[in-house]
C-alpha atoms as a PDB file:
ATOM      1  CA  UNK A   1      66.954 119.136 118.188  1.00  0.00           C
ATOM      2  CA  UNK A   2      66.045 118.974 114.797  1.00  0.00           C
ATOM      3  CA  UNK A   3      68.148 121.669 113.846  1.00  0.00           C
ATOM      4  CA  UNK A   4      70.854 119.796 115.235  1.00  0.00           C
ATOM      5  CA  UNK A   5      70.181 116.807 113.364  1.00  0.00           C
ATOM      6  CA  UNK A   6      69.571 118.477 109.893  1.00  0.00           C
ATOM      7  CA  UNK A   7      73.509 119.860 110.639  1.00  0.00           C
ATOM      8  CA  UNK A   8      74.858 116.497 111.232  1.00  0.00           C
ATOM      9  CA  UNK A   9      72.827 115.283 107.857  1.00  0.00           C
ATOM     10  CA  UNK A  10      74.118 118.060 105.681  1.00  0.00           C
ATOM     11  CA  UNK A  11      77.898 117.708 107.172  1.00  0.00           C
ATOM     12  CA  UNK A  12      77.384 113.590 106.644  1.00  0.00           C
ATOM     13  CA  UNK A  13      76.560 114.473 103.111  1.00  0.00           C
ATOM     14  CA  UNK A  14      79.360 116.904 102.648  1.00  0.00           C
ATOM     15  CA  UNK A  15      81.852 114.976 103.868  1.00  0.00           C
ATOM     16  CA  UNK A  16      80.680 111.822 101.913  1.00  0.00           C
ATOM     17  CA  UNK A  17      80.843 113.955  98.769  1.00  0.00           C
ATOM     18  CA  UNK A  18      84.168 115.472  99.347  1.00  0.00           C
ATOM     19  CA  UNK A  19      85.376 111.391 100.128  1.00  0.00           C
ATOM     20  CA  UNK A  20      84.421 110.437  96.580  1.00  0.00           C
ATOM     21  CA  UNK A  21      85.699 113.573  95.090  1.00  0.00           C
ATOM     22  CA  UNK A  22      89.166 112.506  96.569  1.00  0.00           C
ATOM     23  CA  UNK A  23      89.153 108.808  95.053  1.00  0.00           C
ATOM     24  CA  UNK A  24      87.813 110.047  91.449  1.00  0.00           C
ATOM     25  CA  UNK A  25      91.066 112.264  92.047  1.00  0.00           C
ATOM     26  CA  UNK A  26      93.127 109.444  92.763  1.00  0.00           C
ATOM     27  CA  UNK A  27      91.725 107.465  89.409  1.00  0.00           C
ATOM     28  CA  UNK A  28      92.385 110.519  87.300  1.00  0.00           C
ATOM     29  CA  UNK A  29      95.743 111.244  88.379  1.00  0.00           C
ATOM     30  CA  UNK A  30      96.449 107.036  88.519  1.00  0.00           C
ATOM     31  CA  UNK A  31      95.241 107.026  85.099  1.00  0.00           C
ATOM     32  CA  UNK A  32      97.741 109.648  83.973  1.00  0.00           C
ATOM     33  CA  UNK A  33     100.547 108.199  85.601  1.00  0.00           C
ATOM     34  CA  UNK A  34      99.647 104.917  84.177  1.00  0.00           C
ATOM     35  CA  UNK A  35     100.862 105.896  80.749  1.00  0.00           C
ATOM     36  CA  UNK A  36     104.207 105.305  81.310  1.00  0.00           C
ATOM     37  CA  UNK A  37     103.554 101.666  82.467  1.00  0.00           C
ATOM     38  CA  UNK A  38     101.108 100.387  79.580  1.00  0.00           C
ATOM     39  CA  UNK A  39     104.060  99.457  77.192  1.00  0.00           C
ATOM     40  CA  UNK A  40     104.525  96.790  79.388  1.00  0.00           C
ATOM     41  CA  UNK A  41     101.236  96.204  81.903  1.00  0.00           C
ATOM     42  CA  UNK A  42      98.884  97.170  78.945  1.00  0.00           C
ATOM     43  CA  UNK A  43      96.862 100.214  78.769  1.00  0.00           C
ATOM     44  CA  UNK A  44      94.238  98.926  81.797  1.00  0.00           C
ATOM     45  CA  UNK A  45      96.586  97.068  83.463  1.00  0.00           C
ATOM     46  CA  UNK A  46      96.055  93.371  81.347  1.00  0.00           C
ATOM     47  CA  UNK A  47      99.827  93.033  79.782  1.00  0.00           C
ATOM     48  CA  UNK A  48      99.392  91.531  76.583  1.00  0.00           C
ATOM     49  CA  UNK A  49     102.683  89.662  77.247  1.00  0.00           C
ATOM     50  CA  UNK A  50     102.475  86.827  79.681  1.00  0.00           C
ATOM     51  CA  UNK A  51     105.829  87.599  81.506  1.00  0.00           C
ATOM     52  CA  UNK A  52     104.460  90.974  82.493  1.00  0.00           C
ATOM     53  CA  UNK A  53     102.109  90.327  85.386  1.00  0.00           C
ATOM     54  CA  UNK A  54      98.401  91.722  84.682  1.00  0.00           C
ATOM     55  CA  UNK A  55      97.784  94.701  87.393  1.00  0.00           C
ATOM     56  CA  UNK A  56      93.804  95.172  86.697  1.00  0.00           C
ATOM     57  CA  UNK A  57      91.666  94.578  89.749  1.00  0.00           C
ATOM     58  CA  UNK A  58      94.859  94.161  91.941  1.00  0.00           C
ATOM     59  CA  UNK A  59      94.230  95.243  95.522  1.00  0.00           C
ATOM     60  CA  UNK A  60      95.818  98.569  96.618  1.00  0.00           C
ATOM     61  CA  UNK A  61      97.658  97.553  99.824  1.00  0.00           C
ATOM     62  CA  UNK A  62      99.858  94.666  97.543  1.00  0.00           C
ATOM     63  CA  UNK A  63     100.532  96.911  94.587  1.00  0.00           C
ATOM     64  CA  UNK A  64     101.698  99.672  96.902  1.00  0.00           C
ATOM     65  CA  UNK A  65     103.749  97.623  98.925  1.00  0.00           C
ATOM     66  CA  UNK A  66     105.361  96.188  95.855  1.00  0.00           C
ATOM     67  CA  UNK A  67     106.514  99.322  94.127  1.00  0.00           C
ATOM     68  CA  UNK A  68     107.956 100.208  97.612  1.00  0.00           C
ATOM     69  CA  UNK A  69     109.522  97.129  96.975  1.00  0.00           C
ATOM     70  CA  UNK A  70     111.048  98.076  94.184  1.00  0.00           C
ATOM     71  CA  UNK A  71     112.077 101.586  94.614  1.00  0.00           C
ATOM     72  CA  UNK A  72     113.886 100.325  98.507  1.00  0.00           C
ATOM     73  CA  UNK A  73     115.346  97.531  96.203  1.00  0.00           C
ATOM     74  CA  UNK A  74     113.655  94.929  98.709  1.00  0.00           C
ATOM     75  CA  UNK A  75     112.159  92.990  95.334  1.00  0.00           C
ATOM     76  CA  UNK A  76     115.334  93.275  93.073  1.00  0.00           C
ATOM     77  CA  UNK A  77     114.290  93.832  89.790  1.00  0.00           C
ATOM     78  CA  UNK A  78     116.613  95.822  86.860  1.00  0.00           C
ATOM     79  CA  UNK A  79     113.390  96.813  84.972  1.00  0.00           C
ATOM     80  CA  UNK A  80     111.373  98.124  87.356  1.00  0.00           C
ATOM     81  CA  UNK A  81     113.620  99.698  90.025  1.00  0.00           C
ATOM     82  CA  UNK A  82     114.211 102.743  87.915  1.00  0.00           C
ATOM     83  CA  UNK A  83     110.999 102.932  87.295  1.00  0.00           C
ATOM     84  CA  UNK A  84     109.867 103.296  90.743  1.00  0.00           C
ATOM     85  CA  UNK A  85     112.935 104.982  92.000  1.00  0.00           C
ATOM     86  CA  UNK A  86     111.470 108.458  90.638  1.00  0.00           C
ATOM     87  CA  UNK A  87     107.635 107.478  92.304  1.00  0.00           C
ATOM     88  CA  UNK A  88     106.734 109.237  95.438  1.00  0.00           C
ATOM     89  CA  UNK A  89     104.173 107.724  97.889  1.00  0.00           C
ATOM     90  CA  UNK A  90     101.159 109.766  96.331  1.00  0.00           C
ATOM     91  CA  UNK A  91     102.025 108.303  93.254  1.00  0.00           C
ATOM     92  CA  UNK A  92     102.115 104.673  94.426  1.00  0.00           C
ATOM     93  CA  UNK A  93      98.675 105.184  95.976  1.00  0.00           C
ATOM     94  CA  UNK A  94      97.020 106.871  92.747  1.00  0.00           C
ATOM     95  CA  UNK A  95      98.563 103.923  90.271  1.00  0.00           C
ATOM     96  CA  UNK A  96      97.042 101.470  93.159  1.00  0.00           C
ATOM     97  CA  UNK A  97      93.655 102.932  93.109  1.00  0.00           C
ATOM     98  CA  UNK A  98      93.499 102.937  89.174  1.00  0.00           C
ATOM     99  CA  UNK A  99      94.285  99.731  88.623  1.00  0.00           C
ATOM    100  CA  UNK A 100      92.706  98.012  91.389  1.00  0.00           C
ATOM    101  CA  UNK A 101      89.265  99.776  89.755  1.00  0.00           C
ATOM    102  CA  UNK A 102      90.145  98.377  86.207  1.00  0.00           C
ATOM    103  CA  UNK A 103      88.873  95.340  85.213  1.00  0.00           C
ATOM    104  CA  UNK A 104      90.923  92.075  84.670  1.00  0.00           C
ATOM    105  CA  UNK A 105      90.749  89.928  81.539  1.00  0.00           C
ATOM    106  CA  UNK A 106      90.204  85.643  81.123  1.00  0.00           C
ATOM    107  CA  UNK A 107      92.979  83.966  79.703  1.00  0.00           C
ATOM    108  CA  UNK A 108      93.416  81.421  76.445  1.00  0.00           C
ATOM    109  CA  UNK A 109      93.630  77.884  77.830  1.00  0.00           C
ATOM    110  CA  UNK A 110      97.807  77.289  78.450  1.00  0.00           C
ATOM    111  CA  UNK A 111      99.927  76.158  75.922  1.00  0.00           C
ATOM    112  CA  UNK A 112     101.612  72.950  77.463  1.00  0.00           C
ATOM    113  CA  UNK A 113     105.420  73.947  78.387  1.00  0.00           C
ATOM    114  CA  UNK A 114     107.655  71.107  76.626  1.00  0.00           C
ATOM    115  CA  UNK A 115     111.217  70.145  77.845  1.00  0.00           C
ATOM    116  CA  UNK A 116     113.891  70.497  75.230  1.00  0.00           C
ATOM    117  CA  UNK A 117     114.379  66.716  75.896  1.00  0.00           C
ATOM    118  CA  UNK A 118     111.260  66.077  74.708  1.00  0.00           C
ATOM    119  CA  UNK A 119     112.564  67.118  71.382  1.00  0.00           C
ATOM    120  CA  UNK A 120     114.692  64.518  71.374  1.00  0.00           C
ATOM    121  CA  UNK A 121     112.361  61.941  72.224  1.00  0.00           C
ATOM    122  CA  UNK A 122     109.841  63.025  69.090  1.00  0.00           C
ATOM    123  CA  UNK A 123     111.529  59.396  67.218  1.00  0.00           C
ATOM    124  CA  UNK A 124     110.772  56.995  70.186  1.00  0.00           C
ATOM    125  CA  UNK A 125     107.215  58.759  70.501  1.00  0.00           C
ATOM    126  CA  UNK A 126     106.655  58.005  66.859  1.00  0.00           C
ATOM    127  CA  UNK A 127     107.545  54.582  66.971  1.00  0.00           C
ATOM    128  CA  UNK A 128     105.174  54.048  69.636  1.00  0.00           C
ATOM    129  CA  UNK A 129     102.449  55.467  67.595  1.00  0.00           C
ATOM    130  CA  UNK A 130     103.041  52.934  64.735  1.00  0.00           C
ATOM    131  CA  UNK A 131     103.091  50.418  67.222  1.00  0.00           C
ATOM    132  CA  UNK A 132      99.805  51.165  68.270  1.00  0.00           C
ATOM    133  CA  UNK A 133     100.133  52.753  71.548  1.00  0.00           C
ATOM    134  CA  UNK A 134      98.403  55.850  72.314  1.00  0.00           C
ATOM    135  CA  UNK A 135     100.043  58.808  72.306  1.00  0.00           C
ATOM    136  CA  UNK A 136      99.534  61.353  75.099  1.00  0.00           C
ATOM    137  CA  UNK A 137      97.239  64.436  74.011  1.00  0.00           C
ATOM    138  CA  UNK A 138      99.274  67.433  75.350  1.00  0.00           C
ATOM    139  CA  UNK A 139      95.499  69.342  75.442  1.00  0.00           C
ATOM    140  CA  UNK A 140      94.340  66.312  77.951  1.00  0.00           C
ATOM    141  CA  UNK A 141      98.047  66.992  79.606  1.00  0.00           C
ATOM    142  CA  UNK A 142      96.681  70.693  79.988  1.00  0.00           C
ATOM    143  CA  UNK A 143      93.612  69.567  81.642  1.00  0.00           C
ATOM    144  CA  UNK A 144      94.888  66.930  84.303  1.00  0.00           C
ATOM    145  CA  UNK A 145      97.740  69.562  85.151  1.00  0.00           C
ATOM    146  CA  UNK A 146      94.579  71.999  85.771  1.00  0.00           C
ATOM    147  CA  UNK A 147      92.626  69.815  87.918  1.00  0.00           C
ATOM    148  CA  UNK A 148      95.695  68.697  89.966  1.00  0.00           C
ATOM    149  CA  UNK A 149      96.085  72.615  90.698  1.00  0.00           C
ATOM    150  CA  UNK A 150      92.852  72.691  91.887  1.00  0.00           C
ATOM    151  CA  UNK A 151      93.399  70.051  94.365  1.00  0.00           C
ATOM    152  CA  UNK A 152      96.765  71.652  95.721  1.00  0.00           C
ATOM    153  CA  UNK A 153      95.261  75.234  95.596  1.00  0.00           C
ATOM    154  CA  UNK A 154      92.195  74.168  97.615  1.00  0.00           C
ATOM    155  CA  UNK A 155      93.500  71.720  99.865  1.00  0.00           C
ATOM    156  CA  UNK A 156      97.304  71.469  99.389  1.00  0.00           C
ATOM    157  CA  UNK A 157      99.951  68.641  99.687  1.00  0.00           C
ATOM    158  CA  UNK A 158     100.167  67.243 103.134  1.00  0.00           C
ATOM    159  CA  UNK A 159     102.801  64.745 102.289  1.00  0.00           C
ATOM    160  CA  UNK A 160     105.316  67.473 101.224  1.00  0.00           C
ATOM    161  CA  UNK A 161     103.819  69.813 103.791  1.00  0.00           C
ATOM    162  CA  UNK A 162     102.457  72.357 101.015  1.00  0.00           C
ATOM    163  CA  UNK A 163     100.319  75.016 102.471  1.00  0.00           C
ATOM    164  CA  UNK A 164      96.750  75.596 100.516  1.00  0.00           C
ATOM    165  CA  UNK A 165      96.717  78.621  98.587  1.00  0.00           C
ATOM    166  CA  UNK A 166      93.250  79.447  99.162  1.00  0.00           C
ATOM    167  CA  UNK A 167      94.127  80.292 102.938  1.00  0.00           C
ATOM    168  CA  UNK A 168      95.468  83.264 101.867  1.00  0.00           C
ATOM    169  CA  UNK A 169      94.337  84.102  98.775  1.00  0.00           C
ATOM    170  CA  UNK A 170      90.538  83.031  98.881  1.00  0.00           C
ATOM    171  CA  UNK A 171      88.351  80.598  97.176  1.00  0.00           C
ATOM    172  CA  UNK A 172      88.470  82.545  94.099  1.00  0.00           C
ATOM    173  CA  UNK A 173      91.711  83.998  93.731  1.00  0.00           C
ATOM    174  CA  UNK A 174      90.308  87.390  95.112  1.00  0.00           C
ATOM    175  CA  UNK A 175      93.231  87.847  97.650  1.00  0.00           C
ATOM    176  CA  UNK A 176      93.248  90.177 101.123  1.00  0.00           C
ATOM    177  CA  UNK A 177      93.125  93.694 100.902  1.00  0.00           C
ATOM    178  CA  UNK A 178      93.323  94.062 104.472  1.00  0.00           C
ATOM    179  CA  UNK A 179      96.401  91.546 104.828  1.00  0.00           C
ATOM    180  CA  UNK A 180      97.751  92.705 101.685  1.00  0.00           C
ATOM    181  CA  UNK A 181      97.468  89.115  99.929  1.00  0.00           C
ATOM    182  CA  UNK A 182      97.417  89.842  96.178  1.00  0.00           C
ATOM    183  CA  UNK A 183      94.829  89.001  93.587  1.00  0.00           C
ATOM    184  CA  UNK A 184      95.675  86.045  91.732  1.00  0.00           C
ATOM    185  CA  UNK A 185      93.033  85.351  89.629  1.00  0.00           C
ATOM    186  CA  UNK A 186      93.051  85.268  85.603  1.00  0.00           C
ATOM    187  CA  UNK A 187      96.861  86.120  86.266  1.00  0.00           C
ATOM    188  CA  UNK A 188      99.438  84.827  83.142  1.00  0.00           C
ATOM    189  CA  UNK A 189     100.213  81.642  83.984  1.00  0.00           C
ATOM    190  CA  UNK A 190     103.807  82.092  82.727  1.00  0.00           C
ATOM    191  CA  UNK A 191     104.323  85.013  85.151  1.00  0.00           C
ATOM    192  CA  UNK A 192     102.855  82.995  87.775  1.00  0.00           C
ATOM    193  CA  UNK A 193     105.783  80.173  87.171  1.00  0.00           C
ATOM    194  CA  UNK A 194     107.972  82.581  87.266  1.00  0.00           C
ATOM    195  CA  UNK A 195     106.990  84.065  90.595  1.00  0.00           C
ATOM    196  CA  UNK A 196     106.760  80.763  92.413  1.00  0.00           C
ATOM    197  CA  UNK A 197     110.099  79.517  91.121  1.00  0.00           C
ATOM    198  CA  UNK A 198     111.806  82.687  92.155  1.00  0.00           C
ATOM    199  CA  UNK A 199     110.527  82.201  95.803  1.00  0.00           C
ATOM    200  CA  UNK A 200     111.351  78.379  95.391  1.00  0.00           C
ATOM    201  CA  UNK A 201     115.311  78.934  94.359  1.00  0.00           C
ATOM    202  CA  UNK A 202     115.345  82.888  96.720  1.00  0.00           C
ATOM    203  CA  UNK A 203     115.731  85.129  93.417  1.00  0.00           C
ATOM    204  CA  UNK A 204     112.680  86.789  95.059  1.00  0.00           C
ATOM    205  CA  UNK A 205     112.533  87.266  99.075  1.00  0.00           C
ATOM    206  CA  UNK A 206     110.228  90.224  99.884  1.00  0.00           C
ATOM    207  CA  UNK A 207     107.064  87.685 101.082  1.00  0.00           C
ATOM    208  CA  UNK A 208     106.254  88.751 104.580  1.00  0.00           C
ATOM    209  CA  UNK A 209     108.153  86.352 107.131  1.00  0.00           C
ATOM    210  CA  UNK A 210     109.315  84.659 103.914  1.00  0.00           C
ATOM    211  CA  UNK A 211     106.121  83.137 103.709  1.00  0.00           C
ATOM    212  CA  UNK A 212     106.043  82.215 100.162  1.00  0.00           C
ATOM    213  CA  UNK A 213     109.601  81.095  99.928  1.00  0.00           C
ATOM    214  CA  UNK A 214     109.095  78.612 102.617  1.00  0.00           C
ATOM    215  CA  UNK A 215     105.929  77.260 100.836  1.00  0.00           C
ATOM    216  CA  UNK A 216     107.326  77.438  97.250  1.00  0.00           C
ATOM    217  CA  UNK A 217     110.387  75.720  98.205  1.00  0.00           C
ATOM    218  CA  UNK A 218     108.519  72.759  99.224  1.00  0.00           C
ATOM    219  CA  UNK A 219     106.800  72.446  95.668  1.00  0.00           C
ATOM    220  CA  UNK A 220     107.787  70.494  93.177  1.00  0.00           C
ATOM    221  CA  UNK A 221     108.350  71.926  89.313  1.00  0.00           C
ATOM    222  CA  UNK A 222     105.230  70.311  88.252  1.00  0.00           C
ATOM    223  CA  UNK A 223     102.864  71.760  91.393  1.00  0.00           C
ATOM    224  CA  UNK A 224     104.111  74.893  90.093  1.00  0.00           C
ATOM    225  CA  UNK A 225     103.326  74.172  86.686  1.00  0.00           C
ATOM    226  CA  UNK A 226      99.303  72.744  87.923  1.00  0.00           C
ATOM    227  CA  UNK A 227      98.653  75.245  90.448  1.00  0.00           C
ATOM    228  CA  UNK A 228      99.659  78.328  87.877  1.00  0.00           C
ATOM    229  CA  UNK A 229      97.776  76.660  84.942  1.00  0.00           C
ATOM    230  CA  UNK A 230      94.656  76.613  87.143  1.00  0.00           C
ATOM    231  CA  UNK A 231      95.194  80.035  88.879  1.00  0.00           C
ATOM    232  CA  UNK A 232      95.238  81.011  85.171  1.00  0.00           C
ATOM    233  CA  UNK A 233      92.243  79.859  84.455  1.00  0.00           C
ATOM    234  CA  UNK A 234      90.025  81.297  87.321  1.00  0.00           C
ATOM    235  CA  UNK A 235      86.956  83.657  86.131  1.00  0.00           C
ATOM    236  CA  UNK A 236      87.696  87.412  86.695  1.00  0.00           C
END
């Protein structure tokens, strides 16, 4: 009996070691393959350009699914489509494992996006300031939007029938690996705004059961901006 238990223990130990070596192999392979992605997404998946998404810390299921969507043209993108076309299933898994193990970086406070029409109103604002009225502080506007975004993320908008983001993406923006719901925390605000806008307009339609399209269509532009600002400020 003791010999059988010893043999079983050795077998389990060897299986565990094999699994670790296999995971390390994927990580190393993914790092090598990610070299061609660094120009847009950063060396470790933290892109310097706010319109390119951060891939660091993203869950494996979601990353593989997106690469498959780019390859099949289910998600249309003129930049990513040719990049994904040459990737095998193993390549996609290796890349996903590598990026999943990288730590996402924190963002600076968002800078308020100003409409072009507001530039035409500068003279009116100057007149208001000279008349003694208090001008709106852009920094305070950003904080107000973040507060609004926090409420929307956690509670949704009942009147507009917008679902709370927390239901799928978790209280801390950590996503849901088994369900393939992406990690959102510390993502670039500009990229989030573009993504939600694309879902709203139908420019992007790769969401399972069109879930994100149905939600985003009910969101106002201000709500999209607010929740994007809030998510971008979530701690990694």
